[in-house]
Amino acid sequence: MKKVLFIMMLGLMLSFSYSQCDANGDGDLDVLDVIEEVNCILDDCWENQENYQGILGYWMIDRFNIQSYNDISITFEATVMCGESLGGGNPTSGLYYFDENMEVSLISIDESYCYQNEIDISNLEVQYTEPYQYFGDSVLFSGLERDIIFIDENNLVLRFLIFPGDDSPSPADFQIYTYNYHRVTIAND
């Protein structure tokens, strides 16, 4: 009885702390979300490292695609390859490192590294390191939750949606970004 009471109290406390937690991802906040959270607690799901082993390692940006929408109509679409720029900005290139301590680092690379499968990072600069969260079908870092569209031993595709604010230069109602990465082996690490 005490165990049931403890789980109910824990659920009640979590509901006030994380009131918008759609634990099962069905779009509804209901008792099924509470059951999902209780099962997570009982199964030590936050400690299960098997769930995120696939994303660990170094991933180089190959390309990204942006689609801007007003209502349901595409108003702008572009694909930018590694080493290219969009609108005269900095060239798209970067190497992300997801480590087992749940931290992600962005390592600055120039376009000469694009599409290589093995690189030497001894002279490269880490732009930033921050915590990430892995949810099985998505990963959260830099304030954005990215859906994992595809992942295997060598390829990763992440997609996220943004809603430009009123002060944004973009006239879009929303934008969808899709990033394609390939796994990189590190020489001289």
N, C-alpha and C. Protein backbone atom coordinates (compact mmCIF):
# COMPACT_ATOMS: atom_id res chain seq x y z
N MET A 1 0.82 -1.19 0.00
CA MET A 1 0.00 0.00 0.00
C MET A 1 0.86 1.25 0.00
N LYS A 2 1.96 1.22 0.79
CA LYS A 2 2.85 2.36 0.84
C LYS A 2 3.49 2.61 -0.52
N LYS A 3 3.81 1.53 -1.23
CA LYS A 3 4.44 1.66 -2.55
C LYS A 3 3.47 2.33 -3.53
N VAL A 4 2.22 1.93 -3.51
CA VAL A 4 1.20 2.52 -4.39
C VAL A 4 1.00 3.99 -4.04
N LEU A 5 0.93 4.30 -2.75
CA LEU A 5 0.78 5.68 -2.31
C LEU A 5 1.99 6.52 -2.74
N PHE A 6 3.18 5.95 -2.60
CA PHE A 6 4.39 6.67 -3.02
C PHE A 6 4.35 6.96 -4.51
N ILE A 7 4.00 5.99 -5.32
CA ILE A 7 3.94 6.18 -6.77
C ILE A 7 2.88 7.22 -7.13
N MET A 8 1.74 7.18 -6.45
CA MET A 8 0.69 8.18 -6.72
C MET A 8 1.15 9.57 -6.33
N MET A 9 1.82 9.70 -5.18
CA MET A 9 2.33 11.00 -4.75
C MET A 9 3.41 11.50 -5.70
N LEU A 10 4.28 10.60 -6.13
CA LEU A 10 5.32 10.97 -7.07
C LEU A 10 4.70 11.44 -8.38
N GLY A 11 3.72 10.74 -8.86
CA GLY A 11 3.02 11.15 -10.07
C GLY A 11 2.37 12.51 -9.92
N LEU A 12 1.77 12.75 -8.74
CA LEU A 12 1.14 14.04 -8.49
C LEU A 12 2.18 15.15 -8.46
N MET A 13 3.33 14.90 -7.81
CA MET A 13 4.39 15.91 -7.79
C MET A 13 4.93 16.17 -9.18
N LEU A 14 5.13 15.10 -9.96
CA LEU A 14 5.63 15.27 -11.32
C LEU A 14 4.62 16.01 -12.19
N SER A 15 3.35 15.81 -11.93
CA SER A 15 2.34 16.48 -12.75
C SER A 15 2.37 17.98 -12.55
N PHE A 16 2.73 18.44 -11.34
CA PHE A 16 2.85 19.89 -11.12
C PHE A 16 4.17 20.42 -11.66
N SER A 17 5.24 19.62 -11.55
CA SER A 17 6.54 20.07 -12.02
C SER A 17 6.65 20.01 -13.53
N TYR A 18 6.10 18.98 -14.12
CA TYR A 18 6.18 18.77 -15.56
C TYR A 18 4.77 18.61 -16.12
N SER A 19 3.97 19.62 -16.01
CA SER A 19 2.56 19.51 -16.32
C SER A 19 2.28 19.30 -17.80
N GLN A 20 3.24 19.56 -18.65
CA GLN A 20 3.00 19.38 -20.08
C GLN A 20 3.80 18.21 -20.64
N CYS A 21 4.00 17.18 -19.87
CA CYS A 21 4.80 16.03 -20.28
C CYS A 21 3.92 14.99 -20.95
N ASP A 22 3.96 14.96 -22.27
CA ASP A 22 3.24 13.95 -23.05
C ASP A 22 4.17 12.75 -23.19
N ALA A 23 4.25 11.95 -22.15
CA ALA A 23 5.26 10.90 -22.05
C ALA A 23 5.18 9.86 -23.16
N ASN A 24 3.99 9.55 -23.62
CA ASN A 24 3.87 8.53 -24.67
C ASN A 24 3.77 9.13 -26.06
N GLY A 25 3.82 10.45 -26.18
CA GLY A 25 3.88 11.11 -27.48
C GLY A 25 2.62 11.00 -28.32
N ASP A 26 1.46 10.77 -27.69
CA ASP A 26 0.23 10.63 -28.47
C ASP A 26 -0.52 11.95 -28.66
N GLY A 27 0.04 13.05 -28.13
CA GLY A 27 -0.60 14.35 -28.28
C GLY A 27 -1.63 14.68 -27.23
N ASP A 28 -1.91 13.74 -26.35
CA ASP A 28 -2.89 13.96 -25.28
C ASP A 28 -2.21 13.83 -23.92
N LEU A 29 -2.63 14.67 -22.99
CA LEU A 29 -2.18 14.55 -21.61
C LEU A 29 -3.25 13.81 -20.84
N ASP A 30 -2.97 12.54 -20.48
CA ASP A 30 -3.98 11.73 -19.83
C ASP A 30 -3.32 10.69 -18.93
N VAL A 31 -4.11 9.79 -18.41
CA VAL A 31 -3.62 8.78 -17.49
C VAL A 31 -2.58 7.87 -18.14
N LEU A 32 -2.62 7.71 -19.45
CA LEU A 32 -1.63 6.88 -20.13
C LEU A 32 -0.22 7.47 -20.00
N ASP A 33 -0.15 8.80 -19.93
CA ASP A 33 1.14 9.44 -19.72
C ASP A 33 1.67 9.15 -18.32
N VAL A 34 0.79 9.13 -17.33
CA VAL A 34 1.18 8.80 -15.96
C VAL A 34 1.68 7.37 -15.90
N ILE A 35 0.99 6.46 -16.56
CA ILE A 35 1.41 5.05 -16.58
C ILE A 35 2.78 4.93 -17.22
N GLU A 36 2.99 5.65 -18.32
CA GLU A 36 4.29 5.64 -18.99
C GLU A 36 5.40 6.12 -18.06
N GLU A 37 5.14 7.20 -17.32
CA GLU A 37 6.14 7.74 -16.38
C GLU A 37 6.40 6.77 -15.24
N VAL A 38 5.36 6.15 -14.70
CA VAL A 38 5.54 5.17 -13.62
C VAL A 38 6.35 3.99 -14.11
N ASN A 39 6.04 3.49 -15.31
CA ASN A 39 6.82 2.39 -15.88
C ASN A 39 8.28 2.80 -16.07
N CYS A 40 8.50 4.03 -16.47
CA CYS A 40 9.86 4.53 -16.64
C CYS A 40 10.60 4.51 -15.29
N ILE A 41 9.94 4.97 -14.25
CA ILE A 41 10.56 4.99 -12.92
C ILE A 41 10.86 3.57 -12.45
N LEU A 42 9.91 2.66 -12.62
CA LEU A 42 10.10 1.28 -12.17
C LEU A 42 11.16 0.53 -12.96
N ASP A 43 11.31 0.88 -14.26
CA ASP A 43 12.27 0.20 -15.12
C ASP A 43 13.62 0.91 -15.21
N ASP A 44 13.81 1.98 -14.44
CA ASP A 44 15.05 2.77 -14.49
C ASP A 44 15.39 3.20 -15.90
N CYS A 45 14.40 3.70 -16.64
CA CYS A 45 14.61 4.02 -18.05
C CYS A 45 15.63 5.13 -18.26
N TRP A 46 15.77 6.04 -17.31
CA TRP A 46 16.75 7.11 -17.50
C TRP A 46 18.18 6.61 -17.36
N GLU A 47 18.35 5.42 -16.83
CA GLU A 47 19.68 4.84 -16.68
C GLU A 47 20.02 3.87 -17.80
N ASN A 48 19.07 3.59 -18.69
CA ASN A 48 19.27 2.59 -19.73
C ASN A 48 20.07 3.18 -20.88
N GLN A 49 21.37 2.92 -20.91
CA GLN A 49 22.23 3.50 -21.93
C GLN A 49 22.06 2.82 -23.28
N GLU A 50 21.49 1.64 -23.34
CA GLU A 50 21.29 0.97 -24.62
C GLU A 50 20.45 1.82 -25.56
N ASN A 51 19.54 2.59 -25.02
CA ASN A 51 18.63 3.37 -25.84
C ASN A 51 19.34 4.41 -26.69
N TYR A 52 20.44 4.95 -26.25
CA TYR A 52 21.06 6.02 -27.02
C TYR A 52 22.44 5.64 -27.57
N GLN A 53 22.81 4.39 -27.50
CA GLN A 53 24.12 3.98 -28.00
C GLN A 53 24.30 4.30 -29.48
N GLY A 54 23.24 4.23 -30.27
CA GLY A 54 23.34 4.45 -31.71
C GLY A 54 23.75 5.86 -32.08
N ILE A 55 23.42 6.83 -31.24
CA ILE A 55 23.73 8.22 -31.57
C ILE A 55 25.12 8.64 -31.09
N LEU A 56 25.75 7.83 -30.26
CA LEU A 56 27.07 8.19 -29.74
C LEU A 56 28.09 8.26 -30.86
N GLY A 57 28.99 9.23 -30.74
CA GLY A 57 30.07 9.34 -31.71
C GLY A 57 30.07 10.67 -32.43
N TYR A 58 30.84 10.72 -33.51
CA TYR A 58 31.03 11.94 -34.31
C TYR A 58 30.17 11.88 -35.56
N TRP A 59 29.45 12.97 -35.82
CA TRP A 59 28.54 13.06 -36.96
C TRP A 59 28.82 14.37 -37.71
N MET A 60 29.13 14.25 -39.01
CA MET A 60 29.40 15.42 -39.84
C MET A 60 28.16 15.79 -40.65
N ILE A 61 27.89 17.09 -40.71
CA ILE A 61 26.77 17.58 -41.53
C ILE A 61 27.11 17.38 -43.00
N ASP A 62 26.25 16.68 -43.74
CA ASP A 62 26.41 16.54 -45.18
C ASP A 62 25.61 17.62 -45.92
N ARG A 63 24.39 17.84 -45.43
CA ARG A 63 23.52 18.84 -46.07
C ARG A 63 22.35 19.11 -45.15
N PHE A 64 21.69 20.24 -45.41
CA PHE A 64 20.43 20.48 -44.74
C PHE A 64 19.45 21.06 -45.73
N ASN A 65 18.20 20.82 -45.45
CA ASN A 65 17.10 21.30 -46.28
C ASN A 65 16.20 22.16 -45.41
N ILE A 66 15.78 23.29 -45.95
CA ILE A 66 14.85 24.16 -45.25
C ILE A 66 13.62 24.34 -46.13
N GLN A 67 12.46 24.25 -45.49
CA GLN A 67 11.18 24.51 -46.16
C GLN A 67 10.42 25.52 -45.31
N SER A 68 10.03 26.63 -45.94
CA SER A 68 9.24 27.65 -45.26
C SER A 68 7.80 27.55 -45.74
N TYR A 69 6.86 27.67 -44.80
CA TYR A 69 5.45 27.52 -45.11
C TYR A 69 4.66 28.74 -44.63
N ASN A 70 3.69 29.15 -45.41
CA ASN A 70 2.62 30.04 -44.98
C ASN A 70 1.35 29.22 -45.11
N ASP A 71 0.64 29.07 -44.03
CA ASP A 71 -0.49 28.15 -43.96
C ASP A 71 0.02 26.77 -44.33
N ILE A 72 -0.41 26.22 -45.46
CA ILE A 72 0.06 24.90 -45.87
C ILE A 72 0.86 24.95 -47.17
N SER A 73 1.16 26.15 -47.66
CA SER A 73 1.87 26.30 -48.93
C SER A 73 3.36 26.55 -48.67
N ILE A 74 4.20 25.86 -49.45
CA ILE A 74 5.64 26.08 -49.36
C ILE A 74 5.94 27.40 -50.07
N THR A 75 6.59 28.31 -49.34
CA THR A 75 6.95 29.61 -49.92
C THR A 75 8.44 29.69 -50.26
N PHE A 76 9.23 28.80 -49.68
CA PHE A 76 10.66 28.80 -49.93
C PHE A 76 11.18 27.41 -49.60
N GLU A 77 12.10 26.94 -50.45
CA GLU A 77 12.75 25.66 -50.18
C GLU A 77 14.17 25.72 -50.71
N ALA A 78 15.10 25.22 -49.93
CA ALA A 78 16.50 25.20 -50.36
C ALA A 78 17.20 24.02 -49.72
N THR A 79 18.17 23.48 -50.44
CA THR A 79 19.06 22.46 -49.92
C THR A 79 20.47 23.02 -49.95
N VAL A 80 21.15 22.96 -48.84
CA VAL A 80 22.50 23.50 -48.73
C VAL A 80 23.44 22.34 -48.39
N MET A 81 24.42 22.15 -49.23
CA MET A 81 25.37 21.07 -49.05
C MET A 81 26.52 21.52 -48.15
N CYS A 82 27.22 20.57 -47.58
CA CYS A 82 28.39 20.88 -46.75
C CYS A 82 29.36 21.74 -47.56
N GLY A 83 29.79 22.84 -46.98
CA GLY A 83 30.71 23.76 -47.64
C GLY A 83 30.04 24.88 -48.40
N GLU A 84 28.72 24.78 -48.60
CA GLU A 84 27.97 25.84 -49.28
C GLU A 84 27.35 26.76 -48.24
N SER A 85 26.87 27.92 -48.70
CA SER A 85 26.20 28.83 -47.79
C SER A 85 24.82 29.19 -48.33
N LEU A 86 23.98 29.64 -47.46
CA LEU A 86 22.63 30.06 -47.81
C LEU A 86 22.57 31.58 -47.67
N GLY A 87 22.35 32.26 -48.76
CA GLY A 87 22.21 33.72 -48.71
C GLY A 87 23.47 34.46 -48.33
N GLY A 88 24.62 33.94 -48.70
CA GLY A 88 25.86 34.64 -48.44
C GLY A 88 26.38 34.49 -47.02
N GLY A 89 25.77 33.65 -46.22
CA GLY A 89 26.22 33.45 -44.85
C GLY A 89 27.44 32.55 -44.78
N ASN A 90 27.77 32.11 -43.59
CA ASN A 90 28.90 31.21 -43.41
C ASN A 90 28.61 29.87 -44.06
N PRO A 91 29.65 29.22 -44.60
CA PRO A 91 29.43 27.90 -45.19
C PRO A 91 28.92 26.90 -44.15
N THR A 92 28.06 26.02 -44.59
CA THR A 92 27.52 24.98 -43.72
C THR A 92 28.55 23.89 -43.55
N SER A 93 29.03 23.73 -42.35
CA SER A 93 29.93 22.63 -42.02
C SER A 93 29.96 22.52 -40.50
N GLY A 94 30.12 21.33 -40.04
CA GLY A 94 30.16 21.14 -38.60
C GLY A 94 30.26 19.66 -38.27
N LEU A 95 30.83 19.40 -37.12
CA LEU A 95 30.99 18.05 -36.64
C LEU A 95 30.41 18.01 -35.23
N TYR A 96 29.41 17.17 -35.03
CA TYR A 96 28.80 17.02 -33.71
C TYR A 96 29.33 15.75 -33.06
N TYR A 97 29.63 15.86 -31.76
CA TYR A 97 30.08 14.71 -30.99
C TYR A 97 29.11 14.49 -29.84
N PHE A 98 28.42 13.35 -29.86
CA PHE A 98 27.51 12.94 -28.79
C PHE A 98 28.27 11.95 -27.92
N ASP A 99 28.48 12.31 -26.65
CA ASP A 99 29.25 11.41 -25.79
C ASP A 99 28.36 10.66 -24.81
N GLU A 100 28.96 9.70 -24.12
CA GLU A 100 28.23 8.84 -23.19
C GLU A 100 27.85 9.56 -21.91
N ASN A 101 28.36 10.76 -21.68
CA ASN A 101 27.98 11.56 -20.52
C ASN A 101 26.80 12.48 -20.81
N MET A 102 26.13 12.23 -21.92
CA MET A 102 24.96 12.99 -22.34
C MET A 102 25.32 14.46 -22.61
N GLU A 103 26.49 14.67 -23.22
CA GLU A 103 26.89 15.99 -23.67
C GLU A 103 27.14 15.94 -25.17
N VAL A 104 26.78 17.03 -25.84
CA VAL A 104 27.03 17.15 -27.27
C VAL A 104 27.96 18.34 -27.48
N SER A 105 28.93 18.16 -28.37
CA SER A 105 29.87 19.23 -28.69
C SER A 105 29.77 19.52 -30.18
N LEU A 106 29.82 20.80 -30.53
CA LEU A 106 29.93 21.20 -31.93
C LEU A 106 31.38 21.59 -32.16
N ILE A 107 32.00 20.91 -33.11
CA ILE A 107 33.40 21.16 -33.45
C ILE A 107 33.43 21.88 -34.79
N SER A 108 34.08 23.03 -34.80
CA SER A 108 34.17 23.82 -36.03
C SER A 108 35.10 23.14 -37.03
N ILE A 109 34.62 23.00 -38.25
CA ILE A 109 35.45 22.49 -39.34
C ILE A 109 35.24 23.40 -40.54
N ASP A 110 36.22 23.39 -41.44
CA ASP A 110 36.01 24.15 -42.67
C ASP A 110 35.58 23.19 -43.77
N GLU A 111 35.23 23.77 -44.91
CA GLU A 111 34.65 22.96 -45.99
C GLU A 111 35.63 21.93 -46.56
N SER A 112 36.92 22.04 -46.28
CA SER A 112 37.86 21.04 -46.78
C SER A 112 37.63 19.67 -46.14
N TYR A 113 36.95 19.64 -45.00
CA TYR A 113 36.65 18.38 -44.32
C TYR A 113 35.38 17.70 -44.83
N CYS A 114 34.57 18.42 -45.61
CA CYS A 114 33.27 17.90 -46.05
C CYS A 114 33.41 16.54 -46.73
N TYR A 115 32.51 15.64 -46.35
CA TYR A 115 32.34 14.31 -46.94
C TYR A 115 33.49 13.35 -46.64
N GLN A 116 34.43 13.72 -45.79
CA GLN A 116 35.48 12.79 -45.42
C GLN A 116 34.94 11.82 -44.37
N ASN A 117 35.44 10.60 -44.39
CA ASN A 117 35.00 9.59 -43.44
C ASN A 117 35.92 9.48 -42.23
N GLU A 118 37.14 9.96 -42.36
CA GLU A 118 38.08 9.97 -41.25
C GLU A 118 38.78 11.32 -41.23
N ILE A 119 38.79 11.95 -40.06
CA ILE A 119 39.44 13.26 -39.95
C ILE A 119 40.27 13.33 -38.68
N ASP A 120 41.25 14.21 -38.71
CA ASP A 120 42.10 14.49 -37.57
C ASP A 120 41.53 15.73 -36.88
N ILE A 121 41.12 15.59 -35.62
CA ILE A 121 40.52 16.73 -34.93
C ILE A 121 41.48 17.39 -33.95
N SER A 122 42.75 16.98 -33.96
CA SER A 122 43.69 17.50 -32.97
C SER A 122 43.87 19.01 -33.05
N ASN A 123 43.68 19.61 -34.21
CA ASN A 123 43.85 21.06 -34.35
C ASN A 123 42.53 21.79 -34.53
N LEU A 124 41.43 21.14 -34.24
CA LEU A 124 40.12 21.76 -34.42
C LEU A 124 39.61 22.32 -33.11
N GLU A 125 38.75 23.31 -33.20
CA GLU A 125 38.23 24.01 -32.02
C GLU A 125 36.81 23.56 -31.71
N VAL A 126 36.57 23.27 -30.44
CA VAL A 126 35.21 22.96 -29.99
C VAL A 126 34.48 24.29 -29.81
N GLN A 127 33.39 24.47 -30.56
CA GLN A 127 32.64 25.71 -30.50
C GLN A 127 31.83 25.80 -29.21
N TYR A 128 31.16 24.70 -28.85
CA TYR A 128 30.44 24.64 -27.58
C TYR A 128 30.19 23.20 -27.20
N THR A 129 29.96 22.99 -25.91
CA THR A 129 29.55 21.69 -25.36
C THR A 129 28.39 21.96 -24.43
N GLU A 130 27.35 21.14 -24.54
CA GLU A 130 26.18 21.31 -23.69
C GLU A 130 25.51 19.96 -23.48
N PRO A 131 24.65 19.86 -22.48
CA PRO A 131 23.92 18.60 -22.27
C PRO A 131 22.93 18.34 -23.40
N TYR A 132 22.66 17.07 -23.64
CA TYR A 132 21.58 16.71 -24.55
C TYR A 132 20.72 15.66 -23.86
N GLN A 133 19.50 15.54 -24.34
CA GLN A 133 18.58 14.52 -23.86
C GLN A 133 18.16 13.67 -25.04
N TYR A 134 18.10 12.38 -24.81
CA TYR A 134 17.72 11.42 -25.84
C TYR A 134 16.40 10.79 -25.44
N PHE A 135 15.42 10.80 -26.37
CA PHE A 135 14.10 10.28 -26.06
C PHE A 135 13.71 9.08 -26.93
N GLY A 136 14.65 8.45 -27.57
CA GLY A 136 14.35 7.30 -28.42
C GLY A 136 14.08 7.70 -29.85
N ASP A 137 13.06 8.54 -30.07
CA ASP A 137 12.75 8.98 -31.43
C ASP A 137 13.09 10.45 -31.64
N SER A 138 13.75 11.05 -30.65
CA SER A 138 14.18 12.44 -30.79
C SER A 138 15.34 12.72 -29.84
N VAL A 139 16.02 13.83 -30.10
CA VAL A 139 17.13 14.27 -29.27
C VAL A 139 16.99 15.78 -29.08
N LEU A 140 17.24 16.24 -27.86
CA LEU A 140 17.07 17.65 -27.51
C LEU A 140 18.42 18.26 -27.16
N PHE A 141 18.80 19.32 -27.90
CA PHE A 141 19.96 20.13 -27.54
C PHE A 141 19.81 21.49 -28.19
N SER A 142 20.52 22.46 -27.67
CA SER A 142 20.44 23.86 -28.13
C SER A 142 19.00 24.38 -28.12
N GLY A 143 18.22 23.90 -27.19
CA GLY A 143 16.84 24.38 -27.04
C GLY A 143 15.86 23.86 -28.06
N LEU A 144 16.28 22.94 -28.92
CA LEU A 144 15.39 22.40 -29.95
C LEU A 144 15.33 20.88 -29.86
N GLU A 145 14.12 20.36 -29.86
CA GLU A 145 13.96 18.91 -29.95
C GLU A 145 13.93 18.53 -31.42
N ARG A 146 14.84 17.64 -31.78
CA ARG A 146 14.98 17.20 -33.17
C ARG A 146 14.47 15.77 -33.29
N ASP A 147 13.54 15.54 -34.21
CA ASP A 147 13.05 14.19 -34.47
C ASP A 147 14.13 13.40 -35.19
N ILE A 148 14.32 12.17 -34.77
CA ILE A 148 15.24 11.28 -35.46
C ILE A 148 14.44 10.59 -36.57
N ILE A 149 14.67 11.02 -37.79
CA ILE A 149 13.96 10.48 -38.94
C ILE A 149 14.57 9.15 -39.36
N PHE A 150 15.90 9.08 -39.28
CA PHE A 150 16.60 7.86 -39.67
C PHE A 150 17.92 7.80 -38.92
N ILE A 151 18.29 6.61 -38.48
CA ILE A 151 19.62 6.41 -37.90
C ILE A 151 20.03 4.97 -38.15
N ASP A 152 21.26 4.80 -38.60
CA ASP A 152 21.88 3.49 -38.66
C ASP A 152 23.35 3.67 -38.29
N GLU A 153 24.18 2.69 -38.55
CA GLU A 153 25.57 2.80 -38.08
C GLU A 153 26.36 3.91 -38.76
N ASN A 154 25.92 4.37 -39.94
CA ASN A 154 26.69 5.38 -40.66
C ASN A 154 25.93 6.65 -41.01
N ASN A 155 24.62 6.69 -40.85
CA ASN A 155 23.82 7.83 -41.28
C ASN A 155 22.83 8.25 -40.20
N LEU A 156 22.59 9.55 -40.15
CA LEU A 156 21.67 10.13 -39.19
C LEU A 156 20.91 11.26 -39.89
N VAL A 157 19.60 11.28 -39.73
CA VAL A 157 18.77 12.35 -40.27
C VAL A 157 17.93 12.91 -39.13
N LEU A 158 18.09 14.21 -38.87
CA LEU A 158 17.33 14.90 -37.83
C LEU A 158 16.46 15.97 -38.47
N ARG A 159 15.25 16.15 -37.92
CA ARG A 159 14.32 17.16 -38.43
C ARG A 159 13.72 17.92 -37.27
N PHE A 160 13.59 19.24 -37.44
CA PHE A 160 12.93 20.04 -36.42
C PHE A 160 12.11 21.14 -37.08
N LEU A 161 11.18 21.64 -36.32
CA LEU A 161 10.22 22.65 -36.76
C LEU A 161 10.42 23.90 -35.92
N ILE A 162 10.44 25.07 -36.57
CA ILE A 162 10.51 26.31 -35.82
C ILE A 162 9.40 27.24 -36.29
N PHE A 163 8.99 28.09 -35.39
CA PHE A 163 7.99 29.11 -35.67
C PHE A 163 8.65 30.47 -35.51
N PRO A 164 9.05 31.12 -36.62
CA PRO A 164 9.70 32.42 -36.50
C PRO A 164 8.79 33.41 -35.76
N GLY A 165 9.38 34.20 -34.90
CA GLY A 165 8.61 35.19 -34.15
C GLY A 165 8.24 36.39 -35.03
N ASP A 166 7.45 37.27 -34.46
CA ASP A 166 7.02 38.46 -35.19
C ASP A 166 8.19 39.35 -35.58
N ASP A 167 9.28 39.30 -34.81
CA ASP A 167 10.43 40.14 -35.12
C ASP A 167 11.42 39.46 -36.07
N SER A 168 11.07 38.28 -36.57
CA SER A 168 11.93 37.55 -37.49
C SER A 168 11.84 38.15 -38.89
N PRO A 169 12.96 38.16 -39.62
CA PRO A 169 12.92 38.63 -41.01
C PRO A 169 12.19 37.66 -41.93
N SER A 170 11.93 36.43 -41.46
CA SER A 170 11.25 35.44 -42.28
C SER A 170 9.74 35.67 -42.23
N PRO A 171 9.10 35.72 -43.39
CA PRO A 171 7.65 35.89 -43.41
C PRO A 171 6.89 34.58 -43.19
N ALA A 172 7.61 33.49 -42.96
CA ALA A 172 6.98 32.17 -42.86
C ALA A 172 6.20 32.01 -41.56
N ASP A 173 5.12 31.21 -41.64
CA ASP A 173 4.40 30.80 -40.43
C ASP A 173 5.21 29.77 -39.65
N PHE A 174 5.85 28.87 -40.39
CA PHE A 174 6.75 27.89 -39.76
C PHE A 174 7.75 27.40 -40.79
N GLN A 175 8.85 26.82 -40.27
CA GLN A 175 9.91 26.30 -41.12
C GLN A 175 10.29 24.91 -40.63
N ILE A 176 10.60 24.03 -41.59
CA ILE A 176 11.05 22.68 -41.28
C ILE A 176 12.49 22.55 -41.77
N TYR A 177 13.36 22.16 -40.85
CA TYR A 177 14.77 21.93 -41.17
C TYR A 177 15.04 20.43 -41.09
N THR A 178 15.71 19.90 -42.10
CA THR A 178 16.12 18.50 -42.11
C THR A 178 17.62 18.45 -42.34
N TYR A 179 18.34 17.86 -41.38
CA TYR A 179 19.79 17.76 -41.47
C TYR A 179 20.20 16.30 -41.70
N ASN A 180 21.08 16.09 -42.66
CA ASN A 180 21.64 14.78 -42.95
C ASN A 180 23.10 14.76 -42.49
N TYR A 181 23.48 13.71 -41.76
CA TYR A 181 24.82 13.55 -41.23
C TYR A 181 25.38 12.20 -41.62
N HIS A 182 26.69 12.08 -41.64
CA HIS A 182 27.31 10.75 -41.73
C HIS A 182 28.31 10.61 -40.59
N ARG A 183 28.48 9.37 -40.17
CA ARG A 183 29.39 9.08 -39.04
C ARG A 183 30.84 9.23 -39.52
N VAL A 184 31.66 9.79 -38.65
CA VAL A 184 33.05 10.06 -38.97
C VAL A 184 33.94 9.32 -37.97
N THR A 185 35.00 8.75 -38.45
CA THR A 185 36.02 8.14 -37.61
C THR A 185 37.09 9.19 -37.34
N ILE A 186 37.58 9.22 -36.14
CA ILE A 186 38.56 10.23 -35.74
C ILE A 186 39.96 9.63 -35.73
N ALA A 187 40.87 10.29 -36.44
CA ALA A 187 42.27 9.91 -36.44
C ALA A 187 43.00 10.77 -35.40
N ASN A 188 43.97 10.23 -34.73
CA ASN A 188 44.79 10.97 -33.75
C ASN A 188 43.94 11.56 -32.64
N ASP A 189 42.95 10.84 -32.15
CA ASP A 189 42.09 11.35 -31.06
C ASP A 189 42.77 11.17 -29.73
